[in-house]
């Protein structure tokens, strides 16, 4: 029985691209305007408590990643 290596190679290349994309977001994420400050991002600040959940930013990034993956799969 011969093991097919080609799918493993494609998966490793895709994982590498994902890690590069995540690294770029970590390095330059703070410099991208409006990222994390969109309308719909939840930010509650009290005297001793701060809660932040970037809901709109998460939805936008999810949509972009879905589009990119759909284009790659074609």
PDB file of N, CA and C in Angstrom:
ATOM      1  N   UNK A   1       0.845  -1.177   0.000  1.00  0.00           N
ATOM      2  CA  UNK A   1       0.000   0.000   0.000  1.00  0.00           C
ATOM      3  C   UNK A   1       0.891   1.242   0.000  1.00  0.00           C
ATOM      4  N   UNK A   2       0.707   2.086  -1.001  1.00  0.00           N
ATOM      5  CA  UNK A   2       1.531   3.276  -1.102  1.00  0.00           C
ATOM      6  C   UNK A   2       0.773   4.479  -0.547  1.00  0.00           C
ATOM      7  N   UNK A   3       1.440   5.228   0.315  1.00  0.00           N
ATOM      8  CA  UNK A   3       0.839   6.394   0.933  1.00  0.00           C
ATOM      9  C   UNK A   3       0.935   7.577  -0.022  1.00  0.00           C
ATOM     10  N   UNK A   4      -0.179   8.235  -0.243  1.00  0.00           N
ATOM     11  CA  UNK A   4      -0.201   9.405  -1.131  1.00  0.00           C
ATOM     12  C   UNK A   4       0.331  10.608  -0.367  1.00  0.00           C
ATOM     13  N   UNK A   5       1.402  11.205  -0.831  1.00  0.00           N
ATOM     14  CA  UNK A   5       2.069  12.304  -0.136  1.00  0.00           C
ATOM     15  C   UNK A   5       1.581  13.662  -0.621  1.00  0.00           C
ATOM     16  N   UNK A   6       1.056  13.743  -1.799  1.00  0.00           N
ATOM     17  CA  UNK A   6       0.654  15.021  -2.383  1.00  0.00           C
ATOM     18  C   UNK A   6      -0.348  15.799  -1.525  1.00  0.00           C
ATOM     19  N   UNK A   7      -1.416  15.192  -0.972  1.00  0.00           N
ATOM     20  CA  UNK A   7      -2.332  15.961  -0.115  1.00  0.00           C
ATOM     21  C   UNK A   7      -1.646  16.509   1.135  1.00  0.00           C
ATOM     22  N   UNK A   8      -0.698  15.753   1.683  1.00  0.00           N
ATOM     23  CA  UNK A   8       0.031  16.225   2.849  1.00  0.00           C
ATOM     24  C   UNK A   8       0.856  17.457   2.495  1.00  0.00           C
ATOM     25  N   UNK A   9       1.469  17.457   1.333  1.00  0.00           N
ATOM     26  CA  UNK A   9       2.251  18.610   0.884  1.00  0.00           C
ATOM     27  C   UNK A   9       1.383  19.848   0.714  1.00  0.00           C
ATOM     28  N   UNK A  10       0.215  19.672   0.117  1.00  0.00           N
ATOM     29  CA  UNK A  10      -0.709  20.799  -0.044  1.00  0.00           C
ATOM     30  C   UNK A  10      -1.165  21.333   1.301  1.00  0.00           C
ATOM     31  N   UNK A  11      -1.445  20.438   2.236  1.00  0.00           N
ATOM     32  CA  UNK A  11      -1.886  20.853   3.566  1.00  0.00           C
ATOM     33  C   UNK A  11      -0.783  21.626   4.286  1.00  0.00           C
ATOM     34  N   UNK A  12       0.466  21.190   4.143  1.00  0.00           N
ATOM     35  CA  UNK A  12       1.574  21.898   4.783  1.00  0.00           C
ATOM     36  C   UNK A  12       1.790  23.284   4.168  1.00  0.00           C
ATOM     37  N   UNK A  13       1.652  23.392   2.861  1.00  0.00           N
ATOM     38  CA  UNK A  13       1.782  24.696   2.204  1.00  0.00           C
ATOM     39  C   UNK A  13       0.674  25.625   2.672  1.00  0.00           C
ATOM     40  N   UNK A  14      -0.555  25.128   2.733  1.00  0.00           N
ATOM     41  CA  UNK A  14      -1.673  25.946   3.193  1.00  0.00           C
ATOM     42  C   UNK A  14      -1.472  26.380   4.643  1.00  0.00           C
ATOM     43  N   UNK A  15      -1.018  25.465   5.499  1.00  0.00           N
ATOM     44  CA  UNK A  15      -0.770  25.806   6.906  1.00  0.00           C
ATOM     45  C   UNK A  15       0.324  26.876   7.008  1.00  0.00           C
ATOM     46  N   UNK A  16       1.339  26.778   6.173  1.00  0.00           N
ATOM     47  CA  UNK A  16       2.400  27.794   6.166  1.00  0.00           C
ATOM     48  C   UNK A  16       1.878  29.162   5.780  1.00  0.00           C
ATOM     49  N   UNK A  17       1.017  29.206   4.772  1.00  0.00           N
ATOM     50  CA  UNK A  17       0.429  30.481   4.345  1.00  0.00           C
ATOM     51  C   UNK A  17      -0.424  31.067   5.458  1.00  0.00           C
ATOM     52  N   UNK A  18      -1.182  30.215   6.142  1.00  0.00           N
ATOM     53  CA  UNK A  18      -2.011  30.685   7.260  1.00  0.00           C
ATOM     54  C   UNK A  18      -1.130  31.252   8.366  1.00  0.00           C
ATOM     55  N   UNK A  19      -0.025  30.572   8.697  1.00  0.00           N
ATOM     56  CA  UNK A  19       0.864  31.069   9.747  1.00  0.00           C
ATOM     57  C   UNK A  19       1.525  32.386   9.347  1.00  0.00           C
ATOM     58  N   UNK A  20       1.876  32.539   8.089  1.00  0.00           N
ATOM     59  CA  UNK A  20       2.446  33.807   7.614  1.00  0.00           C
ATOM     60  C   UNK A  20       1.414  34.920   7.753  1.00  0.00           C
ATOM     61  N   UNK A  21       0.173  34.646   7.373  1.00  0.00           N
ATOM     62  CA  UNK A  21      -0.896  35.639   7.481  1.00  0.00           C
ATOM     63  C   UNK A  21      -1.122  36.044   8.937  1.00  0.00           C
ATOM     64  N   UNK A  22      -1.132  35.066   9.843  1.00  0.00           N
ATOM     65  CA  UNK A  22      -1.315  35.365  11.266  1.00  0.00           C
ATOM     66  C   UNK A  22      -0.138  36.185  11.792  1.00  0.00           C
ATOM     67  N   UNK A  23       1.065  35.851  11.379  1.00  0.00           N
ATOM     68  CA  UNK A  23       2.243  36.612  11.793  1.00  0.00           C
ATOM     69  C   UNK A  23       2.186  38.054  11.327  1.00  0.00           C
ATOM     70  N   UNK A  24       1.750  38.268  10.099  1.00  0.00           N
ATOM     71  CA  UNK A  24       1.614  39.633   9.581  1.00  0.00           C
ATOM     72  C   UNK A  24       0.563  40.406  10.372  1.00  0.00           C
ATOM     73  N   UNK A  25      -0.546  39.756  10.692  1.00  0.00           N
ATOM     74  CA  UNK A  25      -1.576  40.416  11.501  1.00  0.00           C
ATOM     75  C   UNK A  25      -1.054  40.787  12.879  1.00  0.00           C
ATOM     76  N   UNK A  26      -0.247  39.920  13.476  1.00  0.00           N
ATOM     77  CA  UNK A  26       0.293  40.213  14.798  1.00  0.00           C
ATOM     78  C   UNK A  26       1.277  41.373  14.727  1.00  0.00           C
ATOM     79  N   UNK A  27       2.135  41.388  13.711  1.00  0.00           N
ATOM     80  CA  UNK A  27       3.126  42.459  13.588  1.00  0.00           C
ATOM     81  C   UNK A  27       2.498  43.805  13.229  1.00  0.00           C
ATOM     82  N   UNK A  28       1.588  43.805  12.270  1.00  0.00           N
ATOM     83  CA  UNK A  28       1.046  45.057  11.758  1.00  0.00           C
ATOM     84  C   UNK A  28      -0.401  45.297  12.157  1.00  0.00           C
ATOM     85  N   UNK A  29      -0.963  44.462  13.000  1.00  0.00           N
ATOM     86  CA  UNK A  29      -2.370  44.576  13.376  1.00  0.00           C
ATOM     87  C   UNK A  29      -2.723  45.905  14.012  1.00  0.00           C
ATOM     88  N   UNK A  30      -1.822  46.433  14.827  1.00  0.00           N
ATOM     89  CA  UNK A  30      -2.090  47.704  15.475  1.00  0.00           C
ATOM     90  C   UNK A  30      -1.999  48.890  14.541  1.00  0.00           C
ATOM     91  N   UNK A  31      -1.359  48.730  13.409  1.00  0.00           N
ATOM     92  CA  UNK A  31      -1.174  49.816  12.453  1.00  0.00           C
ATOM     93  C   UNK A  31      -2.266  49.872  11.387  1.00  0.00           C
ATOM     94  N   UNK A  32      -3.111  48.853  11.330  1.00  0.00           N
ATOM     95  CA  UNK A  32      -4.193  48.840  10.354  1.00  0.00           C
ATOM     96  C   UNK A  32      -5.320  49.714  10.888  1.00  0.00           C
ATOM     97  N   UNK A  33      -5.685  50.780  10.174  1.00  0.00           N
ATOM     98  CA  UNK A  33      -6.706  51.685  10.703  1.00  0.00           C
ATOM     99  C   UNK A  33      -8.060  50.998  10.853  1.00  0.00           C
ATOM    100  N   UNK A  34      -8.753  51.329  11.900  1.00  0.00           N
ATOM    101  CA  UNK A  34     -10.096  50.843  12.237  1.00  0.00           C
ATOM    102  C   UNK A  34     -10.163  49.379  12.641  1.00  0.00           C
ATOM    103  N   UNK A  35      -9.074  48.639  12.545  1.00  0.00           N
ATOM    104  CA  UNK A  35      -9.113  47.233  12.940  1.00  0.00           C
ATOM    105  C   UNK A  35      -9.250  47.168  14.462  1.00  0.00           C
ATOM    106  N   UNK A  36     -10.362  46.639  14.923  1.00  0.00           N
ATOM    107  CA  UNK A  36     -10.639  46.577  16.348  1.00  0.00           C
ATOM    108  C   UNK A  36     -11.401  47.779  16.861  1.00  0.00           C
ATOM    109  N   UNK A  37     -11.718  48.723  15.989  1.00  0.00           N
ATOM    110  CA  UNK A  37     -12.448  49.923  16.397  1.00  0.00           C
ATOM    111  C   UNK A  37     -13.669  50.153  15.513  1.00  0.00           C
ATOM    112  N   UNK A  38     -14.216  49.084  14.983  1.00  0.00           N
ATOM    113  CA  UNK A  38     -15.368  49.196  14.102  1.00  0.00           C
ATOM    114  C   UNK A  38     -16.652  49.374  14.905  1.00  0.00           C
ATOM    115  N   UNK A  39     -17.673  49.980  14.302  1.00  0.00           N
ATOM    116  CA  UNK A  39     -18.972  50.011  14.984  1.00  0.00           C
ATOM    117  C   UNK A  39     -19.467  48.565  15.155  1.00  0.00           C
ATOM    118  N   UNK A  40     -19.880  48.227  16.325  1.00  0.00           N
ATOM    119  CA  UNK A  40     -20.294  46.856  16.603  1.00  0.00           C
ATOM    120  C   UNK A  40     -19.307  46.126  17.485  1.00  0.00           C
ATOM    121  N   UNK A  41     -18.106  46.681  17.658  1.00  0.00           N
ATOM    122  CA  UNK A  41     -17.146  46.122  18.604  1.00  0.00           C
ATOM    123  C   UNK A  41     -17.578  46.535  20.008  1.00  0.00           C
ATOM    124  N   UNK A  42     -17.592  45.588  20.910  1.00  0.00           N
ATOM    125  CA  UNK A  42     -18.088  45.832  22.259  1.00  0.00           C
ATOM    126  C   UNK A  42     -16.919  46.216  23.158  1.00  0.00           C
ATOM    127  N   UNK A  43     -17.016  47.379  23.812  1.00  0.00           N
ATOM    128  CA  UNK A  43     -15.986  47.845  24.728  1.00  0.00           C
ATOM    129  C   UNK A  43     -16.672  48.461  25.946  1.00  0.00           C
ATOM    130  N   UNK A  44     -16.531  47.798  27.089  1.00  0.00           N
ATOM    131  CA  UNK A  44     -17.110  48.277  28.337  1.00  0.00           C
ATOM    132  C   UNK A  44     -15.960  48.603  29.278  1.00  0.00           C
ATOM    133  N   UNK A  45     -15.933  49.841  29.759  1.00  0.00           N
ATOM    134  CA  UNK A  45     -14.852  50.274  30.641  1.00  0.00           C
ATOM    135  C   UNK A  45     -15.454  50.856  31.910  1.00  0.00           C
ATOM    136  N   UNK A  46     -15.073  50.283  33.053  1.00  0.00           N
ATOM    137  CA  UNK A  46     -15.482  50.761  34.373  1.00  0.00           C
ATOM    138  C   UNK A  46     -14.222  51.149  35.144  1.00  0.00           C
ATOM    139  N   UNK A  47     -14.376  51.507  36.403  1.00  0.00           N
ATOM    140  CA  UNK A  47     -13.228  51.923  37.204  1.00  0.00           C
ATOM    141  C   UNK A  47     -12.163  50.837  37.308  1.00  0.00           C
ATOM    142  N   UNK A  48     -12.569  49.638  37.682  1.00  0.00           N
ATOM    143  CA  UNK A  48     -11.596  48.553  37.878  1.00  0.00           C
ATOM    144  C   UNK A  48     -11.814  47.389  36.927  1.00  0.00           C
ATOM    145  N   UNK A  49     -12.603  47.588  35.913  1.00  0.00           N
ATOM    146  CA  UNK A  49     -12.960  46.496  35.008  1.00  0.00           C
ATOM    147  C   UNK A  49     -12.966  46.998  33.578  1.00  0.00           C
ATOM    148  N   UNK A  50     -12.434  46.191  32.692  1.00  0.00           N
ATOM    149  CA  UNK A  50     -12.460  46.536  31.274  1.00  0.00           C
ATOM    150  C   UNK A  50     -12.744  45.263  30.480  1.00  0.00           C
ATOM    151  N   UNK A  51     -13.754  45.325  29.607  1.00  0.00           N
ATOM    152  CA  UNK A  51     -14.131  44.194  28.765  1.00  0.00           C
ATOM    153  C   UNK A  51     -14.148  44.661  27.319  1.00  0.00           C
ATOM    154  N   UNK A  52     -13.495  43.903  26.456  1.00  0.00           N
ATOM    155  CA  UNK A  52     -13.440  44.262  25.046  1.00  0.00           C
ATOM    156  C   UNK A  52     -13.652  43.011  24.212  1.00  0.00           C
ATOM    157  N   UNK A  53     -14.620  43.062  23.311  1.00  0.00           N
ATOM    158  CA  UNK A  53     -14.849  41.963  22.378  1.00  0.00           C
ATOM    159  C   UNK A  53     -15.089  42.551  20.993  1.00  0.00           C
ATOM    160  N   UNK A  54     -14.155  42.349  20.071  1.00  0.00           N
ATOM    161  CA  UNK A  54     -14.271  42.933  18.726  1.00  0.00           C
ATOM    162  C   UNK A  54     -15.202  42.127  17.826  1.00  0.00           C
ATOM    163  N   UNK A  55     -16.496  42.209  18.075  1.00  0.00           N
ATOM    164  CA  UNK A  55     -17.483  41.414  17.347  1.00  0.00           C
ATOM    165  C   UNK A  55     -17.493  41.737  15.846  1.00  0.00           C
ATOM    166  N   UNK A  56     -17.601  43.007  15.496  1.00  0.00           N
ATOM    167  CA  UNK A  56     -17.650  43.398  14.081  1.00  0.00           C
ATOM    168  C   UNK A  56     -16.331  43.069  13.377  1.00  0.00           C
ATOM    169  N   UNK A  57     -15.217  43.255  14.065  1.00  0.00           N
ATOM    170  CA  UNK A  57     -13.914  42.931  13.475  1.00  0.00           C
ATOM    171  C   UNK A  57     -13.804  41.435  13.219  1.00  0.00           C
ATOM    172  N   UNK A  58     -14.280  40.614  14.160  1.00  0.00           N
ATOM    173  CA  UNK A  58     -14.253  39.159  13.971  1.00  0.00           C
ATOM    174  C   UNK A  58     -15.100  38.738  12.770  1.00  0.00           C
ATOM    175  N   UNK A  59     -16.277  39.341  12.638  1.00  0.00           N
ATOM    176  CA  UNK A  59     -17.143  39.017  11.500  1.00  0.00           C
ATOM    177  C   UNK A  59     -16.501  39.427  10.177  1.00  0.00           C
ATOM    178  N   UNK A  60     -15.882  40.596  10.149  1.00  0.00           N
ATOM    179  CA  UNK A  60     -15.219  41.069   8.930  1.00  0.00           C
ATOM    180  C   UNK A  60     -14.045  40.168   8.559  1.00  0.00           C
ATOM    181  N   UNK A  61     -13.216  39.812   9.524  1.00  0.00           N
ATOM    182  CA  UNK A  61     -12.085  38.924   9.237  1.00  0.00           C
ATOM    183  C   UNK A  61     -12.559  37.538   8.809  1.00  0.00           C
ATOM    184  N   UNK A  62     -13.627  37.049   9.408  1.00  0.00           N
ATOM    185  CA  UNK A  62     -14.182  35.757   9.009  1.00  0.00           C
ATOM    186  C   UNK A  62     -14.656  35.786   7.563  1.00  0.00           C
ATOM    187  N   UNK A  63     -15.315  36.863   7.177  1.00  0.00           N
ATOM    188  CA  UNK A  63     -15.777  37.011   5.795  1.00  0.00           C
ATOM    189  C   UNK A  63     -14.595  37.062   4.820  1.00  0.00           C
ATOM    190  N   UNK A  64     -13.559  37.821   5.165  1.00  0.00           N
ATOM    191  CA  UNK A  64     -12.382  37.908   4.290  1.00  0.00           C
ATOM    192  C   UNK A  64     -11.687  36.561   4.156  1.00  0.00           C
ATOM    193  N   UNK A  65     -11.527  35.853   5.258  1.00  0.00           N
ATOM    194  CA  UNK A  65     -10.866  34.545   5.216  1.00  0.00           C
ATOM    195  C   UNK A  65     -11.704  33.550   4.407  1.00  0.00           C
ATOM    196  N   UNK A  66     -13.018  33.601   4.542  1.00  0.00           N
ATOM    197  CA  UNK A  66     -13.897  32.725   3.767  1.00  0.00           C
ATOM    198  C   UNK A  66     -13.761  32.991   2.269  1.00  0.00           C
ATOM    199  N   UNK A  67     -13.707  34.254   1.886  1.00  0.00           N
ATOM    200  CA  UNK A  67     -13.538  34.616   0.474  1.00  0.00           C
ATOM    201  C   UNK A  67     -12.192  34.139  -0.049  1.00  0.00           C
ATOM    202  N   UNK A  68     -11.131  34.330   0.735  1.00  0.00           N
ATOM    203  CA  UNK A  68      -9.802  33.907   0.310  1.00  0.00           C
ATOM    204  C   UNK A  68      -9.749  32.390   0.125  1.00  0.00           C
ATOM    205  N   UNK A  69     -10.311  31.656   1.073  1.00  0.00           N
ATOM    206  CA  UNK A  69     -10.305  30.188   0.972  1.00  0.00           C
ATOM    207  C   UNK A  69     -11.133  29.729  -0.229  1.00  0.00           C
ATOM    208  N   UNK A  70     -12.258  30.385  -0.481  1.00  0.00           N
ATOM    209  CA  UNK A  70     -13.090  30.007  -1.640  1.00  0.00           C
ATOM    210  C   UNK A  70     -12.336  30.255  -2.939  1.00  0.00           C
ATOM    211  N   UNK A  71     -11.562  31.333  -3.006  1.00  0.00           N
ATOM    212  CA  UNK A  71     -10.794  31.614  -4.215  1.00  0.00           C
ATOM    213  C   UNK A  71      -9.650  30.618  -4.387  1.00  0.00           C
ATOM    214  N   UNK A  72      -9.045  30.195  -3.287  1.00  0.00           N
ATOM    215  CA  UNK A  72      -7.940  29.231  -3.356  1.00  0.00           C
ATOM    216  C   UNK A  72      -8.449  27.860  -3.798  1.00  0.00           C
ATOM    217  N   UNK A  73      -9.626  27.475  -3.348  1.00  0.00           N
ATOM    218  CA  UNK A  73     -10.161  26.154  -3.662  1.00  0.00           C
ATOM    219  C   UNK A  73     -10.591  26.020  -5.115  1.00  0.00           C
ATOM    220  N   UNK A  74     -10.747  27.099  -5.837  1.00  0.00           N
ATOM    221  CA  UNK A  74     -11.177  27.029  -7.242  1.00  0.00           C
ATOM    222  C   UNK A  74     -10.115  26.488  -8.125  1.00  0.00           C
TER     223      UNK A  74
END
